[in-house]
Amino acid sequence: MKKNIVRNILFFCITVIGLSCVHSTVIANDTKGNTPPVTATAEVDRNSVSIGDKVKYTITVKAPKEYDVRFPDFGDNLADFSIKDFGTSESGIFSRTFSQWYLLDTYETGTLAIPPVTVQYSAKDSDEWHEIVIDEITVEVLSLLGDADNNAAIQDIRGPRSLYDLQYLYITLAVILAAIIIALVILYIKKRKKAEASIAPPRPAHEIAYEALTALKQKDLTKTGKVKEYYFELSDIVRRYLENRFSFKAPEMTTEEFLSHLRETDQLRPDHKGLLREFLSHCDLVKFAKYLPEEKEIEASFESAKGLVDQTKERTEGVGTA
């Protein structure tokens, strides 16, 4: 009884080992008929395509980590197919999987073969390279004409166009181009007029000065002891008014430079020049000489600035008040 049990166990083990051996032999032999330590397969993503379609051809090699693999170099063509693109990938740690794909294209029809390809492998500690061959794969390439009659009559090519037809074509194109140019010019003119109409005319210099004087007065700088700041702003208002009104570069000049320029200009009357000279000199006393004016002097300086604007503003404009 015990012998039968032992015999059955041995038979089961031998059967399992035998099945395992049969499964492991499903590996391609190398060129010398030996069982290689690597396996190589090839496949296409489609077995049937229309002419002009792309076919992806992939070679996959599985090898132990201590082996290197070389893929074949096809150049630009693989039999009847041209290679449009290719790429490689590698994965795995203990055993590695190498893949190289090719994007193939052809304009031949019929059953086309991708011929057998040879992959090389070698142990990393050896200079000897071995080869393994992958069988060919066929791809059916169909014509876009389908089942059309191959004997259908072929029409003759058209003769040359007459000169009259070409002249008519050129005239038509010229008229269309001229119409487009005219339309664009009209559109440009309309947009320009609209833009010019939307731009507000510049404000008169005296209006800007009046607003600035009013804003300065409302700050009450002198009541908080900021007399110097008050005179700086008052002088700047007058200088900017003169720049806007007469195009003087007053804000950029020192008082001495401006007074020198004032003697040479005929845009101001002598009395206006005198008023301006007195005003600027008084402002410089406060700004730079630490002169502290009384309240009456401060008010007089403000009125001098406003009076200068009143007397020199453009008479065609409306009168403003501060």
C-alpha atoms as a PDB file:
ATOM      1  CA  MET A   1       0.000   0.000   0.000  1.00  0.00           C
ATOM      2  CA  LYS A   2       2.766   2.382   0.934  1.00  0.00           C
ATOM      3  CA  LYS A   3       4.623   1.492  -2.280  1.00  0.00           C
ATOM      4  CA  ASN A   4       1.540   2.449  -4.323  1.00  0.00           C
ATOM      5  CA  ILE A   5       1.308   5.808  -2.567  1.00  0.00           C
ATOM      6  CA  VAL A   6       5.009   6.533  -3.158  1.00  0.00           C
ATOM      7  CA  ARG A   7       4.680   5.419  -6.798  1.00  0.00           C
ATOM      8  CA  ASN A   8       1.700   7.761  -7.344  1.00  0.00           C
ATOM      9  CA  ILE A   9       3.555  10.707  -5.782  1.00  0.00           C
ATOM     10  CA  LEU A  10       6.593  10.073  -7.978  1.00  0.00           C
ATOM     11  CA  PHE A  11       4.398   9.800 -11.052  1.00  0.00           C
ATOM     12  CA  PHE A  12       2.657  13.115 -10.219  1.00  0.00           C
ATOM     13  CA  CYS A  13       5.999  14.914  -9.753  1.00  0.00           C
ATOM     14  CA  ILE A  14       7.398  13.527 -12.993  1.00  0.00           C
ATOM     15  CA  THR A  15       4.228  14.607 -14.839  1.00  0.00           C
ATOM     16  CA  VAL A  16       4.431  18.183 -13.459  1.00  0.00           C
ATOM     17  CA  ILE A  17       8.139  18.413 -14.315  1.00  0.00           C
ATOM     18  CA  GLY A  18       7.451  17.060 -17.783  1.00  0.00           C
ATOM     19  CA  LEU A  19       4.707  19.600 -18.426  1.00  0.00           C
ATOM     20  CA  SER A  20       6.994  22.360 -17.202  1.00  0.00           C
ATOM     21  CA  CYS A  21       9.702  21.254 -19.586  1.00  0.00           C
ATOM     22  CA  VAL A  22       7.283  21.208 -22.512  1.00  0.00           C
ATOM     23  CA  HIS A  23       6.141  24.776 -21.666  1.00  0.00           C
ATOM     24  CA  SER A  24       9.704  26.089 -21.312  1.00  0.00           C
ATOM     25  CA  THR A  25      10.712  24.805 -24.713  1.00  0.00           C
ATOM     26  CA  VAL A  26       8.318  27.186 -26.464  1.00  0.00           C
ATOM     27  CA  ILE A  27      11.282  29.464 -27.105  1.00  0.00           C
ATOM     28  CA  ALA A  28      12.812  30.234 -30.468  1.00  0.00           C
ATOM     29  CA  ASN A  29      16.134  28.557 -31.197  1.00  0.00           C
ATOM     30  CA  ASP A  30      19.120  30.614 -32.113  1.00  0.00           C
ATOM     31  CA  THR A  31      20.907  30.328 -35.473  1.00  0.00           C
ATOM     32  CA  LYS A  32      22.976  27.383 -34.171  1.00  0.00           C
ATOM     33  CA  GLY A  33      19.936  25.390 -33.051  1.00  0.00           C
ATOM     34  CA  ASN A  34      20.565  25.964 -29.353  1.00  0.00           C
ATOM     35  CA  THR A  35      18.029  27.156 -26.832  1.00  0.00           C
ATOM     36  CA  PRO A  36      18.968  30.807 -26.185  1.00  0.00           C
ATOM     37  CA  PRO A  37      18.685  32.496 -22.792  1.00  0.00           C
ATOM     38  CA  VAL A  38      16.587  35.223 -24.439  1.00  0.00           C
ATOM     39  CA  THR A  39      13.259  35.225 -26.299  1.00  0.00           C
ATOM     40  CA  ALA A  40      12.388  37.482 -29.225  1.00  0.00           C
ATOM     41  CA  THR A  41       9.025  38.128 -30.851  1.00  0.00           C
ATOM     42  CA  ALA A  42       7.676  40.537 -33.444  1.00  0.00           C
ATOM     43  CA  GLU A  43       4.188  41.793 -34.191  1.00  0.00           C
ATOM     44  CA  VAL A  44       2.259  44.381 -36.200  1.00  0.00           C
ATOM     45  CA  ASP A  45      -0.681  46.362 -34.921  1.00  0.00           C
ATOM     46  CA  ARG A  46      -2.687  45.626 -38.097  1.00  0.00           C
ATOM     47  CA  ASN A  47      -2.505  42.798 -40.620  1.00  0.00           C
ATOM     48  CA  SER A  48      -4.587  44.638 -43.213  1.00  0.00           C
ATOM     49  CA  VAL A  49      -4.363  48.320 -44.131  1.00  0.00           C
ATOM     50  CA  SER A  50      -5.224  50.658 -46.981  1.00  0.00           C
ATOM     51  CA  ILE A  51      -2.462  52.094 -49.102  1.00  0.00           C
ATOM     52  CA  GLY A  52      -0.843  55.083 -47.397  1.00  0.00           C
ATOM     53  CA  ASP A  53      -1.823  53.917 -43.873  1.00  0.00           C
ATOM     54  CA  LYS A  54       0.844  53.470 -41.219  1.00  0.00           C
ATOM     55  CA  VAL A  55       1.741  50.075 -39.720  1.00  0.00           C
ATOM     56  CA  LYS A  56       3.434  49.775 -36.330  1.00  0.00           C
ATOM     57  CA  TYR A  57       5.973  46.929 -36.269  1.00  0.00           C
ATOM     58  CA  THR A  58       7.337  46.007 -32.810  1.00  0.00           C
ATOM     59  CA  ILE A  59      10.226  43.721 -31.853  1.00  0.00           C
ATOM     60  CA  THR A  60      10.223  42.573 -28.204  1.00  0.00           C
ATOM     61  CA  VAL A  61      13.203  40.829 -26.555  1.00  0.00           C
ATOM     62  CA  LYS A  62      13.216  39.422 -23.033  1.00  0.00           C
ATOM     63  CA  ALA A  63      16.625  38.716 -21.480  1.00  0.00           C
ATOM     64  CA  PRO A  64      18.250  38.225 -18.057  1.00  0.00           C
ATOM     65  CA  LYS A  65      19.731  41.353 -16.546  1.00  0.00           C
ATOM     66  CA  GLU A  66      23.306  40.170 -17.218  1.00  0.00           C
ATOM     67  CA  TYR A  67      22.732  40.203 -20.998  1.00  0.00           C
ATOM     68  CA  ASP A  68      22.929  42.988 -23.599  1.00  0.00           C
ATOM     69  CA  VAL A  69      20.769  43.112 -26.736  1.00  0.00           C
ATOM     70  CA  ARG A  70      21.348  44.608 -30.197  1.00  0.00           C
ATOM     71  CA  PHE A  71      18.475  45.372 -32.542  1.00  0.00           C
ATOM     72  CA  PRO A  72      18.992  45.327 -36.324  1.00  0.00           C
ATOM     73  CA  ASP A  73      19.719  48.575 -38.158  1.00  0.00           C
ATOM     74  CA  PHE A  74      17.345  48.801 -41.121  1.00  0.00           C
ATOM     75  CA  GLY A  75      18.250  52.291 -42.285  1.00  0.00           C
ATOM     76  CA  ASP A  76      15.376  54.114 -44.004  1.00  0.00           C
ATOM     77  CA  ASN A  77      13.572  51.091 -45.455  1.00  0.00           C
ATOM     78  CA  LEU A  78      12.432  47.662 -44.372  1.00  0.00           C
ATOM     79  CA  ALA A  79      11.769  45.621 -47.549  1.00  0.00           C
ATOM     80  CA  ASP A  80       8.775  47.258 -49.327  1.00  0.00           C
ATOM     81  CA  PHE A  81       8.117  49.562 -46.389  1.00  0.00           C
ATOM     82  CA  SER A  82       9.703  52.913 -45.604  1.00  0.00           C
ATOM     83  CA  ILE A  83      10.488  53.684 -41.960  1.00  0.00           C
ATOM     84  CA  LYS A  84       8.849  56.976 -40.931  1.00  0.00           C
ATOM     85  CA  ASP A  85       9.721  56.839 -37.226  1.00  0.00           C
ATOM     86  CA  PHE A  86      11.060  54.469 -34.565  1.00  0.00           C
ATOM     87  CA  GLY A  87      11.639  54.300 -30.823  1.00  0.00           C
ATOM     88  CA  THR A  88      12.929  52.060 -28.037  1.00  0.00           C
ATOM     89  CA  SER A  89      11.979  51.227 -24.464  1.00  0.00           C
ATOM     90  CA  GLU A  90      13.394  49.105 -21.638  1.00  0.00           C
ATOM     91  CA  SER A  91      11.790  47.814 -18.446  1.00  0.00           C
ATOM     92  CA  GLY A  92      12.339  45.274 -15.692  1.00  0.00           C
ATOM     93  CA  ILE A  93      14.885  44.765 -12.905  1.00  0.00           C
ATOM     94  CA  PHE A  94      15.822  41.077 -12.534  1.00  0.00           C
ATOM     95  CA  SER A  95      14.921  40.221 -16.115  1.00  0.00           C
ATOM     96  CA  ARG A  96      14.662  42.970 -18.675  1.00  0.00           C
ATOM     97  CA  THR A  97      12.299  43.515 -21.588  1.00  0.00           C
ATOM     98  CA  PHE A  98      13.616  45.477 -24.581  1.00  0.00           C
ATOM     99  CA  SER A  99      11.224  46.835 -27.196  1.00  0.00           C
ATOM    100  CA  GLN A 100      11.903  48.644 -30.452  1.00  0.00           C
ATOM    101  CA  TRP A 101       9.057  49.830 -32.666  1.00  0.00           C
ATOM    102  CA  TYR A 102       9.024  51.103 -36.228  1.00  0.00           C
ATOM    103  CA  LEU A 103       6.305  53.130 -37.942  1.00  0.00           C
ATOM    104  CA  LEU A 104       6.109  51.754 -41.495  1.00  0.00           C
ATOM    105  CA  ASP A 105       4.536  53.211 -44.601  1.00  0.00           C
ATOM    106  CA  THR A 106       4.120  51.894 -48.143  1.00  0.00           C
ATOM    107  CA  TYR A 107       2.439  52.787 -51.405  1.00  0.00           C
ATOM    108  CA  GLU A 108       2.647  49.259 -52.801  1.00  0.00           C
ATOM    109  CA  THR A 109      -0.463  47.066 -52.815  1.00  0.00           C
ATOM    110  CA  GLY A 110      -0.915  43.357 -52.252  1.00  0.00           C
ATOM    111  CA  THR A 111       0.499  40.962 -49.670  1.00  0.00           C
ATOM    112  CA  LEU A 112       3.763  42.500 -48.501  1.00  0.00           C
ATOM    113  CA  ALA A 113       6.223  40.689 -46.259  1.00  0.00           C
ATOM    114  CA  ILE A 114       8.310  42.095 -43.454  1.00  0.00           C
ATOM    115  CA  PRO A 115      11.294  39.758 -43.835  1.00  0.00           C
ATOM    116  CA  PRO A 116      12.907  37.732 -41.027  1.00  0.00           C
ATOM    117  CA  VAL A 117      14.986  39.905 -38.730  1.00  0.00           C
ATOM    118  CA  THR A 118      18.023  38.994 -36.638  1.00  0.00           C
ATOM    119  CA  VAL A 119      18.516  40.145 -33.058  1.00  0.00           C
ATOM    120  CA  GLN A 120      21.902  39.808 -31.343  1.00  0.00           C
ATOM    121  CA  TYR A 121      22.567  39.168 -27.655  1.00  0.00           C
ATOM    122  CA  SER A 122      25.645  38.720 -25.482  1.00  0.00           C
ATOM    123  CA  ALA A 123      26.541  38.250 -21.844  1.00  0.00           C
ATOM    124  CA  LYS A 124      27.951  41.419 -20.341  1.00  0.00           C
ATOM    125  CA  ASP A 125      31.155  39.621 -19.311  1.00  0.00           C
ATOM    126  CA  SER A 126      31.680  38.201 -22.812  1.00  0.00           C
ATOM    127  CA  ASP A 127      32.686  39.631 -26.180  1.00  0.00           C
ATOM    128  CA  GLU A 128      30.888  36.878 -28.100  1.00  0.00           C
ATOM    129  CA  TRP A 129      27.577  37.843 -29.703  1.00  0.00           C
ATOM    130  CA  HIS A 130      24.880  35.320 -30.597  1.00  0.00           C
ATOM    131  CA  GLU A 131      21.956  35.683 -32.988  1.00  0.00           C
ATOM    132  CA  ILE A 132      18.274  34.837 -32.850  1.00  0.00           C
ATOM    133  CA  VAL A 133      16.015  35.050 -35.929  1.00  0.00           C
ATOM    134  CA  ILE A 134      12.391  36.187 -35.939  1.00  0.00           C
ATOM    135  CA  ASP A 135      10.177  34.888 -38.741  1.00  0.00           C
ATOM    136  CA  GLU A 136       8.677  37.168 -41.357  1.00  0.00           C
ATOM    137  CA  ILE A 137       5.262  38.801 -40.980  1.00  0.00           C
ATOM    138  CA  THR A 138       2.900  39.554 -43.857  1.00  0.00           C
ATOM    139  CA  VAL A 139       0.656  42.591 -44.199  1.00  0.00           C
ATOM    140  CA  GLU A 140      -2.178  42.934 -46.688  1.00  0.00           C
ATOM    141  CA  VAL A 141      -2.136  46.404 -48.307  1.00  0.00           C
ATOM    142  CA  LEU A 142      -5.415  47.270 -50.042  1.00  0.00           C
ATOM    143  CA  SER A 143      -5.895  49.717 -52.889  1.00  0.00           C
ATOM    144  CA  LEU A 144      -8.116  52.764 -52.345  1.00  0.00           C
ATOM    145  CA  LEU A 145      -9.832  51.954 -55.651  1.00  0.00           C
ATOM    146  CA  GLY A 146     -11.445  48.925 -54.085  1.00  0.00           C
ATOM    147  CA  ASP A 147     -13.055  46.632 -56.655  1.00  0.00           C
ATOM    148  CA  ALA A 148     -13.073  49.197 -59.447  1.00  0.00           C
ATOM    149  CA  ASP A 149     -12.561  47.768 -62.919  1.00  0.00           C
ATOM    150  CA  ASN A 150      -8.848  47.816 -63.688  1.00  0.00           C
ATOM    151  CA  ASN A 151      -9.674  48.014 -67.368  1.00  0.00           C
ATOM    152  CA  ALA A 152     -11.746  51.181 -67.050  1.00  0.00           C
ATOM    153  CA  ALA A 153     -11.032  53.674 -69.778  1.00  0.00           C
ATOM    154  CA  ILE A 154      -8.384  56.242 -68.939  1.00  0.00           C
ATOM    155  CA  GLN A 155      -9.353  59.728 -69.989  1.00  0.00           C
ATOM    156  CA  ASP A 156      -6.887  61.806 -71.912  1.00  0.00           C
ATOM    157  CA  ILE A 157      -5.323  64.817 -70.227  1.00  0.00           C
ATOM    158  CA  ARG A 158      -6.891  68.199 -70.784  1.00  0.00           C
ATOM    159  CA  GLY A 159      -5.420  70.404 -73.406  1.00  0.00           C
ATOM    160  CA  PRO A 160      -3.817  73.765 -72.602  1.00  0.00           C
ATOM    161  CA  ARG A 161      -6.166  76.580 -71.626  1.00  0.00           C
ATOM    162  CA  SER A 162      -6.732  79.280 -74.167  1.00  0.00           C
ATOM    163  CA  LEU A 163      -5.217  82.715 -73.658  1.00  0.00           C
ATOM    164  CA  TYR A 164      -8.726  84.168 -73.479  1.00  0.00           C
ATOM    165  CA  ASP A 165      -9.602  81.984 -70.490  1.00  0.00           C
ATOM    166  CA  LEU A 166      -6.431  82.999 -68.683  1.00  0.00           C
ATOM    167  CA  GLN A 167      -7.033  86.694 -69.306  1.00  0.00           C
ATOM    168  CA  TYR A 168     -10.571  86.335 -67.959  1.00  0.00           C
ATOM    169  CA  LEU A 169      -9.216  84.617 -64.845  1.00  0.00           C
ATOM    170  CA  TYR A 170      -6.591  87.332 -64.283  1.00  0.00           C
ATOM    171  CA  ILE A 171      -9.142  90.116 -64.737  1.00  0.00           C
ATOM    172  CA  THR A 172     -11.510  88.474 -62.265  1.00  0.00           C
ATOM    173  CA  LEU A 173      -8.755  88.098 -59.669  1.00  0.00           C
ATOM    174  CA  ALA A 174      -7.649  91.716 -60.195  1.00  0.00           C
ATOM    175  CA  VAL A 175     -11.216  92.999 -59.702  1.00  0.00           C
ATOM    176  CA  ILE A 176     -11.626  90.970 -56.513  1.00  0.00           C
ATOM    177  CA  LEU A 177      -8.277  92.207 -55.170  1.00  0.00           C
ATOM    178  CA  ALA A 178      -9.129  95.825 -56.003  1.00  0.00           C
ATOM    179  CA  ALA A 179     -12.507  95.498 -54.265  1.00  0.00           C
ATOM    180  CA  ILE A 180     -10.820  94.121 -51.138  1.00  0.00           C
ATOM    181  CA  ILE A 181      -8.271  96.954 -51.097  1.00  0.00           C
ATOM    182  CA  ILE A 182     -10.970  99.609 -51.530  1.00  0.00           C
ATOM    183  CA  ALA A 183     -13.049  98.074 -48.745  1.00  0.00           C
ATOM    184  CA  LEU A 184     -10.040  98.026 -46.415  1.00  0.00           C
ATOM    185  CA  VAL A 185      -9.202 101.673 -47.215  1.00  0.00           C
ATOM    186  CA  ILE A 186     -12.790 102.782 -46.545  1.00  0.00           C
ATOM    187  CA  LEU A 187     -12.852 100.839 -43.283  1.00  0.00           C
ATOM    188  CA  TYR A 188      -9.531 102.400 -42.229  1.00  0.00           C
ATOM    189  CA  ILE A 189     -10.764 105.939 -42.982  1.00  0.00           C
ATOM    190  CA  LYS A 190     -13.980 105.387 -41.031  1.00  0.00           C
ATOM    191  CA  LYS A 191     -12.108 104.022 -38.032  1.00  0.00           C
ATOM    192  CA  ARG A 192      -9.651 106.906 -38.119  1.00  0.00           C
ATOM    193  CA  LYS A 193     -12.412 109.513 -38.259  1.00  0.00           C
ATOM    194  CA  LYS A 194     -14.228 107.778 -35.431  1.00  0.00           C
ATOM    195  CA  ALA A 195     -11.051 107.700 -33.345  1.00  0.00           C
ATOM    196  CA  GLU A 196     -10.349 111.383 -34.029  1.00  0.00           C
ATOM    197  CA  ALA A 197     -13.913 112.302 -33.108  1.00  0.00           C
ATOM    198  CA  SER A 198     -13.655 110.385 -29.835  1.00  0.00           C
ATOM    199  CA  ILE A 199     -10.491 112.248 -28.755  1.00  0.00           C
ATOM    200  CA  ALA A 200     -11.458 115.154 -26.564  1.00  0.00           C
ATOM    201  CA  PRO A 201      -9.770 118.487 -27.379  1.00  0.00           C
ATOM    202  CA  PRO A 202      -7.056 119.527 -24.908  1.00  0.00           C
ATOM    203  CA  ARG A 203      -8.279 121.555 -21.969  1.00  0.00           C
ATOM    204  CA  PRO A 204      -7.280 125.243 -21.861  1.00  0.00           C
ATOM    205  CA  ALA A 205      -4.251 125.953 -19.702  1.00  0.00           C
ATOM    206  CA  HIS A 206      -6.069 128.434 -17.486  1.00  0.00           C
ATOM    207  CA  GLU A 207      -8.801 125.907 -16.548  1.00  0.00           C
ATOM    208  CA  ILE A 208      -6.158 123.480 -15.324  1.00  0.00           C
ATOM    209  CA  ALA A 209      -4.443 126.266 -13.381  1.00  0.00           C
ATOM    210  CA  TYR A 210      -7.698 127.440 -11.769  1.00  0.00           C
ATOM    211  CA  GLU A 211      -8.477 123.889 -10.591  1.00  0.00           C
ATOM    212  CA  ALA A 212      -4.977 123.480  -9.171  1.00  0.00           C
ATOM    213  CA  LEU A 213      -5.211 126.809  -7.318  1.00  0.00           C
ATOM    214  CA  THR A 214      -8.573 125.846  -5.848  1.00  0.00           C
ATOM    215  CA  ALA A 215      -7.232 122.472  -4.712  1.00  0.00           C
ATOM    216  CA  LEU A 216      -4.190 124.145  -3.122  1.00  0.00           C
ATOM    217  CA  LYS A 217      -6.373 126.577  -1.214  1.00  0.00           C
ATOM    218  CA  GLN A 218      -8.523 123.742   0.143  1.00  0.00           C
ATOM    219  CA  LYS A 219      -5.469 121.935   1.591  1.00  0.00           C
ATOM    220  CA  ASP A 220      -4.922 124.706   4.182  1.00  0.00           C
ATOM    221  CA  LEU A 221      -1.191 124.014   4.251  1.00  0.00           C
ATOM    222  CA  THR A 222      -0.334 127.382   5.811  1.00  0.00           C
ATOM    223  CA  LYS A 223      -2.664 126.772   8.776  1.00  0.00           C
ATOM    224  CA  THR A 224      -0.731 123.609   9.638  1.00  0.00           C
ATOM    225  CA  GLY A 225       2.647 125.355   9.379  1.00  0.00           C
ATOM    226  CA  LYS A 226       3.571 123.924   5.969  1.00  0.00           C
ATOM    227  CA  VAL A 227       4.332 127.297   4.413  1.00  0.00           C
ATOM    228  CA  LYS A 228       7.332 126.129   2.399  1.00  0.00           C
ATOM    229  CA  GLU A 229       5.321 123.257   0.900  1.00  0.00           C
ATOM    230  CA  TYR A 230       2.559 125.738   0.068  1.00  0.00           C
ATOM    231  CA  TYR A 231       4.961 127.987  -1.870  1.00  0.00           C
ATOM    232  CA  PHE A 232       6.514 125.027  -3.684  1.00  0.00           C
ATOM    233  CA  GLU A 233       3.085 123.981  -4.977  1.00  0.00           C
ATOM    234  CA  LEU A 234       2.022 127.553  -5.784  1.00  0.00           C
ATOM    235  CA  SER A 235       5.204 128.175  -7.794  1.00  0.00           C
ATOM    236  CA  ASP A 236       4.810 124.828  -9.599  1.00  0.00           C
ATOM    237  CA  ILE A 237       1.210 125.680 -10.592  1.00  0.00           C
ATOM    238  CA  VAL A 238       2.342 128.933 -12.219  1.00  0.00           C
ATOM    239  CA  ARG A 239       5.288 127.284 -13.972  1.00  0.00           C
ATOM    240  CA  ARG A 240       3.111 124.531 -15.425  1.00  0.00           C
ATOM    241  CA  TYR A 241       0.530 127.071 -16.524  1.00  0.00           C
ATOM    242  CA  LEU A 242       3.213 128.979 -18.445  1.00  0.00           C
ATOM    243  CA  GLU A 243       4.393 125.727 -20.028  1.00  0.00           C
ATOM    244  CA  ASN A 244       0.861 124.784 -21.163  1.00  0.00           C
ATOM    245  CA  ARG A 245      -0.052 128.328 -22.233  1.00  0.00           C
ATOM    246  CA  PHE A 246       3.145 129.541 -23.929  1.00  0.00           C
ATOM    247  CA  SER A 247       5.215 126.346 -24.311  1.00  0.00           C
ATOM    248  CA  PHE A 248       7.827 127.686 -21.901  1.00  0.00           C
ATOM    249  CA  LYS A 249       9.936 124.942 -20.295  1.00  0.00           C
ATOM    250  CA  ALA A 250       9.399 126.677 -16.969  1.00  0.00           C
ATOM    251  CA  PRO A 251       9.280 123.567 -14.713  1.00  0.00           C
ATOM    252  CA  GLU A 252      12.703 122.472 -15.990  1.00  0.00           C
ATOM    253  CA  MET A 253      14.441 125.863 -15.436  1.00  0.00           C
ATOM    254  CA  THR A 254      15.806 127.509 -12.349  1.00  0.00           C
ATOM    255  CA  THR A 255      14.312 130.897 -11.503  1.00  0.00           C
ATOM    256  CA  GLU A 256      17.423 132.651 -12.810  1.00  0.00           C
ATOM    257  CA  GLU A 257      17.302 130.722 -16.115  1.00  0.00           C
ATOM    258  CA  PHE A 258      13.602 131.384 -16.509  1.00  0.00           C
ATOM    259  CA  LEU A 259      13.906 135.106 -15.834  1.00  0.00           C
ATOM    260  CA  SER A 260      16.730 135.306 -18.391  1.00  0.00           C
ATOM    261  CA  HIS A 261      14.499 133.563 -20.941  1.00  0.00           C
ATOM    262  CA  LEU A 262      11.628 135.866 -19.967  1.00  0.00           C
ATOM    263  CA  ARG A 263      13.611 138.955 -21.029  1.00  0.00           C
ATOM    264  CA  GLU A 264      13.977 137.561 -24.560  1.00  0.00           C
ATOM    265  CA  THR A 265      10.373 136.536 -25.191  1.00  0.00           C
ATOM    266  CA  ASP A 266       7.664 138.824 -26.607  1.00  0.00           C
ATOM    267  CA  GLN A 267       4.774 136.525 -25.641  1.00  0.00           C
ATOM    268  CA  LEU A 268       4.258 138.441 -22.371  1.00  0.00           C
ATOM    269  CA  ARG A 269       3.734 142.138 -21.887  1.00  0.00           C
ATOM    270  CA  PRO A 270       6.267 144.052 -19.775  1.00  0.00           C
ATOM    271  CA  ASP A 271       3.804 144.384 -16.886  1.00  0.00           C
ATOM    272  CA  HIS A 272       3.195 140.627 -16.933  1.00  0.00           C
ATOM    273  CA  LYS A 273       6.945 139.992 -16.934  1.00  0.00           C
ATOM    274  CA  GLY A 274       7.342 142.275 -13.930  1.00  0.00           C
ATOM    275  CA  LEU A 275       4.505 140.567 -12.037  1.00  0.00           C
ATOM    276  CA  LEU A 276       5.999 137.157 -12.782  1.00  0.00           C
ATOM    277  CA  ARG A 277       9.521 138.228 -11.776  1.00  0.00           C
ATOM    278  CA  GLU A 278       8.272 139.582  -8.453  1.00  0.00           C
ATOM    279  CA  PHE A 279       6.169 136.473  -7.790  1.00  0.00           C
ATOM    280  CA  LEU A 280       8.965 133.977  -8.472  1.00  0.00           C
ATOM    281  CA  SER A 281      11.518 135.932  -6.445  1.00  0.00           C
ATOM    282  CA  HIS A 282       9.173 136.043  -3.445  1.00  0.00           C
ATOM    283  CA  CYS A 283       8.541 132.280  -3.758  1.00  0.00           C
ATOM    284  CA  ASP A 284      12.303 131.575  -3.798  1.00  0.00           C
ATOM    285  CA  LEU A 285      12.752 133.593  -0.598  1.00  0.00           C
ATOM    286  CA  VAL A 286      10.327 131.307   1.190  1.00  0.00           C
ATOM    287  CA  LYS A 287      11.500 128.061  -0.466  1.00  0.00           C
ATOM    288  CA  PHE A 288      15.258 128.523  -0.178  1.00  0.00           C
ATOM    289  CA  ALA A 289      16.054 131.469   2.164  1.00  0.00           C
ATOM    290  CA  LYS A 290      13.875 130.262   5.048  1.00  0.00           C
ATOM    291  CA  TYR A 291      11.858 133.501   4.907  1.00  0.00           C
ATOM    292  CA  LEU A 292       8.597 133.181   6.838  1.00  0.00           C
ATOM    293  CA  PRO A 293       5.944 135.428   5.276  1.00  0.00           C
ATOM    294  CA  GLU A 294       2.970 136.867   7.094  1.00  0.00           C
ATOM    295  CA  GLU A 295      -0.583 135.842   6.286  1.00  0.00           C
ATOM    296  CA  LYS A 296      -1.116 138.941   4.164  1.00  0.00           C
ATOM    297  CA  GLU A 297       1.968 138.140   2.063  1.00  0.00           C
ATOM    298  CA  ILE A 298       0.779 134.561   1.557  1.00  0.00           C
ATOM    299  CA  GLU A 299      -2.600 135.790   0.372  1.00  0.00           C
ATOM    300  CA  ALA A 300      -0.934 138.373  -1.885  1.00  0.00           C
ATOM    301  CA  SER A 301       1.220 135.647  -3.475  1.00  0.00           C
ATOM    302  CA  PHE A 302      -1.882 133.575  -4.194  1.00  0.00           C
ATOM    303  CA  GLU A 303      -3.650 136.545  -5.748  1.00  0.00           C
ATOM    304  CA  SER A 304      -0.537 137.308  -7.845  1.00  0.00           C
ATOM    305  CA  ALA A 305      -0.583 133.779  -9.226  1.00  0.00           C
ATOM    306  CA  LYS A 306      -4.309 133.934  -9.960  1.00  0.00           C
ATOM    307  CA  GLY A 307      -3.987 137.432 -11.442  1.00  0.00           C
ATOM    308  CA  LEU A 308      -1.208 136.290 -13.781  1.00  0.00           C
ATOM    309  CA  VAL A 309      -3.498 133.524 -15.065  1.00  0.00           C
ATOM    310  CA  ASP A 310      -6.415 135.954 -15.397  1.00  0.00           C
ATOM    311  CA  GLN A 311      -4.388 138.443 -17.439  1.00  0.00           C
ATOM    312  CA  THR A 312      -2.592 136.012 -19.746  1.00  0.00           C
ATOM    313  CA  LYS A 313      -5.217 133.347 -20.482  1.00  0.00           C
ATOM    314  CA  GLU A 314      -6.648 132.848 -23.957  1.00  0.00           C
ATOM    315  CA  ARG A 315      -9.457 135.345 -24.426  1.00  0.00           C
ATOM    316  CA  THR A 316     -11.449 133.021 -26.673  1.00  0.00           C
ATOM    317  CA  GLU A 317     -11.947 130.593 -23.761  1.00  0.00           C
ATOM    318  CA  GLY A 318     -14.420 130.822 -20.904  1.00  0.00           C
ATOM    319  CA  VAL A 319     -13.449 132.577 -17.699  1.00  0.00           C
ATOM    320  CA  GLY A 320     -12.797 130.393 -14.647  1.00  0.00           C
ATOM    321  CA  THR A 321     -12.470 131.360 -11.000  1.00  0.00           C
ATOM    322  CA  ALA A 322     -10.479 129.969  -8.137  1.00  0.00           C
END
